[in-house]
């Protein structure tokens, strides 16, 4: 099984921004401070259960999936690599964010695919792979490889995560997987709340380093770096 701590490189909205407040409030968790938050008005009575899984990770979009550090690698080296990556000039992807269903759960996703965003995700996947310890067999099995396509299995074995490169889909998760009969009412409620934020465009202009200290611990942000334009 994976050893701890584990690290992940995510996109996370700036602390205190409208998007950060939207996601953190709905998940009931602030990954910047590691604090529980009260849920907003207008959610269902079982909302704590519906958001249990994404609450563990904090409101984010995956760029480099959770990983144990490779032997000989240190957190300080990973932090330095994040600073170096963020300091290299590159185009900043800008998307039109919408709330929609993806694979049975609800998330903030782009209204249409973005080549610049997919290129950024691929760059992160490659740049930080030297820090990743190989998958333990138990962790590989947890990804249910028999339910993946051949390409996804190849990516799982190569990059430690199946949804990279052509399989990448940007999403900031708001719920766990919902039964079909629950999706439309929850989707309608979340779209209404998102519309109230007034967010029409979103620049993916930072990377955030998250750390999980134990299997039953939530991920916390230990650093966020703006990307250079």
Foldseek 3Di string as FASTA:
>chain_A
DADDKKKFKWQDDDPPALVLCLQCQQLQARQAVRHGHHHDPDDDPCSPVFNVVLNQAGFTWGLADIADFAPPDDPVVVVVLQVVQQADADDWDKFFWAWDDDPQFIWTFGPDDDPRVLVSSQCSLVSCQNGGHADDPVLLVVVVVVPDDPQLNVCCRVRVGSQHRVNPTTTGTNGDRDDPVPPPVVSVSSRVSVVVSVDGMDTSFKMWMWIAGDPPHGIHTPDMHGHHD
